[in-house]
Protein backbone atom coordinates (compact mmCIF):
# COMPACT_ATOMS: atom_id res chain seq x y z
CA MET A 1 -2.87 25.48 4.71
CA GLY A 2 -0.18 24.73 2.13
CA ALA A 3 -2.56 22.51 0.16
CA ILE A 4 -5.32 25.13 0.33
CA THR A 5 -2.96 27.84 -0.91
CA THR A 6 -1.79 25.60 -3.75
CA ASP A 7 -5.37 24.88 -4.77
CA LEU A 8 -6.28 28.58 -4.72
CA ARG A 9 -3.28 29.49 -6.86
CA THR A 10 -4.17 26.69 -9.25
CA GLY A 11 -7.77 27.86 -9.49
CA LEU A 12 -6.70 31.47 -10.10
CA ALA A 13 -4.19 30.45 -12.76
CA PHE A 14 -6.80 28.36 -14.60
CA CYS A 15 -9.88 30.58 -14.28
CA THR A 16 -8.30 34.01 -14.71
CA ARG A 17 -5.53 35.77 -16.58
CA LEU A 18 -3.92 37.05 -13.40
CA PRO A 19 -0.13 36.55 -13.32
CA VAL A 20 -0.26 33.65 -10.86
CA SER A 21 2.42 31.00 -11.17
CA VAL A 22 1.20 27.41 -11.24
CA PRO A 23 2.60 25.47 -8.27
CA GLU A 24 4.53 22.26 -8.93
CA ALA A 25 1.94 20.38 -6.89
CA ALA A 26 -0.94 21.80 -8.99
CA ASN A 27 -3.84 19.44 -9.53
CA LEU A 28 -6.80 21.15 -11.18
CA ALA A 29 -9.22 18.30 -10.47
CA ARG A 30 -8.38 18.55 -6.77
CA ALA A 31 -8.53 22.36 -6.89
CA ALA A 32 -12.01 22.36 -8.45
CA TRP A 33 -13.50 23.36 -5.09
CA THR A 34 -11.88 26.79 -5.55
CA PHE A 35 -13.88 27.61 -8.70
CA PRO A 36 -16.69 29.45 -6.83
CA VAL A 37 -14.11 31.27 -4.68
CA VAL A 38 -12.35 32.53 -7.79
CA GLY A 39 -15.76 33.33 -9.27
CA ALA A 40 -16.60 35.50 -6.27
CA MET A 41 -13.36 37.42 -6.84
CA VAL A 42 -14.23 37.94 -10.51
CA GLY A 43 -17.71 39.12 -9.57
CA ALA A 44 -16.24 41.49 -6.96
CA LEU A 45 -14.04 43.06 -9.64
CA GLY A 46 -17.10 43.59 -11.83
CA ALA A 47 -18.89 45.14 -8.85
CA LEU A 48 -15.99 47.52 -8.24
CA VAL A 49 -16.01 48.66 -11.85
CA TYR A 50 -19.78 49.17 -11.70
CA TRP A 51 -19.40 51.27 -8.54
CA LEU A 52 -16.65 53.41 -10.08
CA ALA A 53 -18.71 53.99 -13.22
CA ASP A 54 -21.80 54.83 -11.16
CA SER A 55 -19.76 57.23 -9.02
CA LEU A 56 -18.80 59.09 -12.19
CA GLY A 57 -22.48 59.60 -12.97
CA LEU A 58 -22.68 57.10 -15.82
CA PRO A 59 -26.10 55.53 -16.48
CA PRO A 60 -26.83 51.96 -15.27
CA PHE A 61 -26.56 50.43 -18.74
CA VAL A 62 -23.08 51.85 -19.28
CA SER A 63 -21.99 50.87 -15.77
CA ALA A 64 -23.28 47.33 -16.33
CA THR A 65 -21.52 47.11 -19.70
CA LEU A 66 -18.21 48.12 -18.14
CA ALA A 67 -18.71 45.62 -15.32
CA VAL A 68 -19.29 42.75 -17.76
CA ALA A 69 -16.30 43.88 -19.82
CA ALA A 70 -14.10 43.82 -16.72
CA THR A 71 -15.12 40.27 -15.83
CA ALA A 72 -14.47 39.14 -19.39
CA LEU A 73 -11.08 40.84 -19.39
CA ILE A 74 -9.86 39.23 -16.16
CA THR A 75 -10.93 35.76 -17.33
CA GLY A 76 -9.59 36.19 -20.85
CA CYS A 77 -13.07 35.47 -22.23
CA LEU A 78 -12.44 31.82 -21.35
CA HIS A 79 -16.10 30.93 -20.86
CA GLU A 80 -17.39 33.20 -23.62
CA ASP A 81 -15.11 31.40 -26.07
CA GLY A 82 -16.50 28.05 -24.93
CA LEU A 83 -20.06 29.25 -25.35
CA ALA A 84 -19.41 30.49 -28.89
CA ASP A 85 -17.62 27.28 -29.91
CA THR A 86 -20.41 25.14 -28.45
CA ALA A 87 -23.06 27.09 -30.34
CA ASP A 88 -21.11 26.77 -33.59
CA GLY A 89 -20.57 23.03 -33.13
CA PHE A 90 -24.09 22.14 -32.02
CA GLY A 91 -25.67 24.37 -34.65
CA GLY A 92 -23.41 23.83 -37.62
CA GLY A 93 -22.31 20.20 -37.51
CA GLY A 94 -24.23 17.30 -38.98
CA THR A 95 -22.42 14.48 -37.19
CA LYS A 96 -20.72 14.08 -33.83
CA ALA A 97 -17.29 14.08 -35.42
CA ARG A 98 -18.07 17.20 -37.45
CA LYS A 99 -19.49 19.00 -34.40
CA LEU A 100 -16.34 18.27 -32.38
CA GLU A 101 -14.20 19.41 -35.31
CA ILE A 102 -16.06 22.72 -35.54
CA MET A 103 -15.76 23.24 -31.77
CA ARG A 104 -11.97 22.95 -32.06
CA ASP A 105 -11.84 25.60 -34.79
CA SER A 106 -10.66 28.91 -33.30
CA ARG A 107 -12.79 30.84 -35.79
CA SER A 108 -16.33 31.85 -34.81
CA GLY A 109 -19.31 31.22 -37.07
CA ALA A 110 -22.73 32.83 -37.24
CA TYR A 111 -24.19 30.67 -34.45
CA GLY A 112 -21.36 31.51 -32.08
CA VAL A 113 -21.42 35.24 -32.80
CA VAL A 114 -25.19 35.57 -32.39
CA VAL A 115 -25.30 33.50 -29.20
CA LEU A 116 -22.42 35.47 -27.73
CA ILE A 117 -24.10 38.80 -28.51
CA VAL A 118 -27.33 37.62 -26.91
CA ALA A 119 -25.44 36.34 -23.84
CA VAL A 120 -23.67 39.66 -23.32
CA LEU A 121 -26.88 41.66 -23.79
CA LEU A 122 -28.75 39.48 -21.29
CA ARG A 123 -26.06 39.94 -18.66
CA VAL A 124 -25.74 43.68 -19.21
CA GLY A 125 -29.51 44.15 -19.28
CA ALA A 126 -30.07 42.16 -16.09
CA ILE A 127 -27.36 44.04 -14.18
CA ALA A 128 -28.59 47.41 -15.47
CA ALA A 129 -32.14 46.54 -14.37
CA LEU A 130 -30.93 46.26 -10.78
CA ALA A 131 -30.07 49.97 -10.98
CA GLY A 132 -27.68 50.42 -8.10
CA PRO A 133 -24.14 49.51 -7.03
CA GLY A 134 -25.34 47.47 -4.03
CA PRO A 135 -27.77 45.16 -5.82
CA ALA A 136 -25.47 44.93 -8.84
CA ALA A 137 -22.54 43.90 -6.64
CA ALA A 138 -24.58 41.21 -4.88
CA ALA A 139 -25.89 39.83 -8.17
CA LEU A 140 -22.45 39.84 -9.83
CA ILE A 141 -20.76 37.99 -6.98
CA ALA A 142 -23.62 35.49 -6.72
CA ALA A 143 -23.69 34.88 -10.47
CA HIS A 144 -19.97 34.33 -10.91
CA ALA A 145 -19.57 32.20 -7.79
CA GLY A 146 -22.73 30.18 -8.38
CA ALA A 147 -22.02 29.58 -12.07
CA ARG A 148 -18.53 28.24 -11.36
CA GLY A 149 -19.68 26.25 -8.36
CA VAL A 150 -21.67 23.84 -10.54
CA LEU A 151 -18.85 23.11 -13.02
CA PRO A 152 -17.22 20.27 -11.01
CA LEU A 153 -20.64 18.66 -10.51
CA PHE A 154 -21.32 18.83 -14.25
CA MET A 155 -17.89 17.33 -14.95
CA ARG A 156 -18.71 14.38 -12.71
CA ALA A 157 -22.24 13.87 -14.02
CA VAL A 158 -21.56 14.11 -17.77
CA PRO A 159 -18.91 11.92 -19.47
CA ASN A 160 -16.15 13.36 -21.63
CA ALA A 161 -17.02 13.57 -25.30
CA ARG A 162 -13.40 13.04 -26.38
CA GLU A 163 -10.33 11.42 -24.92
CA ASP A 164 -8.19 14.55 -25.24
CA GLY A 165 -8.84 18.24 -24.75
CA LEU A 166 -9.14 20.55 -21.76
CA SER A 167 -11.86 18.76 -19.83
CA ALA A 168 -10.40 15.30 -20.38
CA GLY A 169 -6.94 16.57 -19.42
CA VAL A 170 -8.21 18.01 -16.14
CA GLY A 171 -9.76 14.73 -15.11
CA THR A 172 -12.83 14.09 -13.00
CA PRO A 173 -13.00 16.14 -9.79
CA ALA A 174 -13.22 14.11 -6.61
CA THR A 175 -16.59 13.82 -4.90
CA GLY A 176 -15.39 16.00 -2.04
CA ALA A 177 -14.14 18.77 -4.34
CA ALA A 178 -17.35 18.75 -6.39
CA THR A 179 -19.51 18.78 -3.26
CA ALA A 180 -17.52 21.61 -1.71
CA ALA A 181 -17.75 23.67 -4.91
CA THR A 182 -21.51 23.15 -5.13
CA LEU A 183 -22.06 24.10 -1.49
CA LEU A 184 -19.86 27.18 -1.76
CA GLY A 185 -21.75 28.27 -4.87
CA LEU A 186 -25.07 27.71 -3.13
CA LEU A 187 -23.85 29.64 -0.09
CA ALA A 188 -22.93 32.57 -2.32
CA LEU A 189 -26.45 32.58 -3.78
CA MET A 190 -28.06 32.55 -0.33
CA VAL A 191 -25.82 35.23 1.16
CA CYS A 192 -25.87 37.60 -1.81
CA LEU A 193 -29.44 37.17 -3.04
CA GLY A 194 -31.26 36.13 0.11
CA ILE A 195 -32.60 32.68 0.93
CA GLY A 196 -35.76 32.91 -1.19
CA THR A 197 -34.22 34.38 -4.33
CA GLY A 198 -31.13 32.23 -3.86
CA LEU A 199 -33.18 29.04 -3.78
CA VAL A 200 -35.12 30.04 -6.88
CA ALA A 201 -31.88 30.85 -8.68
CA ALA A 202 -30.43 27.48 -7.65
CA LEU A 203 -33.48 25.61 -8.97
CA VAL A 204 -33.38 27.52 -12.25
CA VAL A 205 -29.69 26.71 -12.66
CA VAL A 206 -30.33 23.01 -11.94
CA ALA A 207 -32.99 22.97 -14.66
CA GLY A 208 -30.53 24.59 -17.05
CA LEU A 209 -27.84 22.06 -16.16
CA ILE A 210 -30.17 19.14 -16.87
CA PHE A 211 -31.13 20.64 -20.21
CA LEU A 212 -27.54 21.30 -21.28
CA ALA A 213 -26.36 17.89 -20.04
CA ARG A 214 -28.96 16.07 -22.12
CA LEU A 215 -28.31 18.29 -25.13
CA SER A 216 -24.55 17.71 -24.92
CA VAL A 217 -24.92 13.94 -24.68
CA LYS A 218 -27.30 13.96 -27.64
CA GLN A 219 -25.15 16.26 -29.77
CA ILE A 220 -21.60 15.03 -29.10
CA GLY A 221 -21.87 12.21 -26.56
CA GLY A 222 -20.81 14.21 -23.51
CA GLN A 223 -19.01 17.34 -22.39
CA THR A 224 -15.83 19.17 -23.40
CA GLY A 225 -14.03 22.25 -22.16
CA ASP A 226 -16.16 24.32 -24.53
CA VAL A 227 -19.34 22.85 -23.10
CA LEU A 228 -18.13 23.73 -19.61
CA GLY A 229 -17.74 27.32 -20.79
CA ALA A 230 -21.31 27.22 -22.06
CA VAL A 231 -22.45 25.82 -18.69
CA GLU A 232 -20.80 28.71 -16.85
CA GLN A 233 -22.29 31.34 -19.16
CA MET A 234 -25.77 29.83 -19.05
CA SER A 235 -25.71 29.56 -15.25
CA GLU A 236 -24.38 33.10 -14.86
CA ILE A 237 -27.14 34.47 -17.07
CA LEU A 238 -29.88 32.51 -15.30
CA ILE A 239 -28.75 33.78 -11.89
CA LEU A 240 -28.61 37.40 -13.06
CA LEU A 241 -32.04 37.14 -14.72
CA THR A 242 -33.51 35.63 -11.58
CA ALA A 243 -32.11 38.45 -9.47
CA ALA A 244 -33.42 41.06 -11.90
CA ALA A 245 -36.87 39.45 -12.02
CA LEU A 246 -37.36 38.90 -8.28
CA TRP A 247 -35.71 42.05 -6.99
């Protein structure tokens, strides 16, 4: 139980901006199995905000916007920042070295800004289309848990593009941690969306992972922390769009 508690605290400290102290025995690669658990918590917060906004009589689009804003706030826009940096690097750099240099720049360029706007609109639009606190809650929890559940698998499957940086510093998650994270994410999809919709969402996410893995290897030779942020955002969007389309 002590190891589980340490892993959960480590996952919360890394994936959110909650005031959680990092244990001395923290090992993020070992704690990677907690990513979908933390994701479910983030999604539950978004669901609560949606419910509160809906209870006040606000329209679905406004409720969905507030829900997405709440999830971004609690995570410190960690994954959104990665998505924007990845878009800037892949779109604006001519060579691998230049792409990696751009991705390390804290400033956002046109590619990053446009991609981030589209990503937010897709999430808000998909949640608003569900038109109800119940379906929105299920989709939010499924999306955030499922999107984070595939991160350890992606980290194992795609090599690091650089020897330093966030992803390289974390290390490669163990097979057990990656498997547990994937299964927990898949379980969240099945429970929240139903077996049929959950399976479709899982297949769509797998297709997206294959695409982004190949693109990352072609563009910069592998993955970085920014690419992992893009993976989470892409997977989250695909799950929400699947829920909106099939429900």
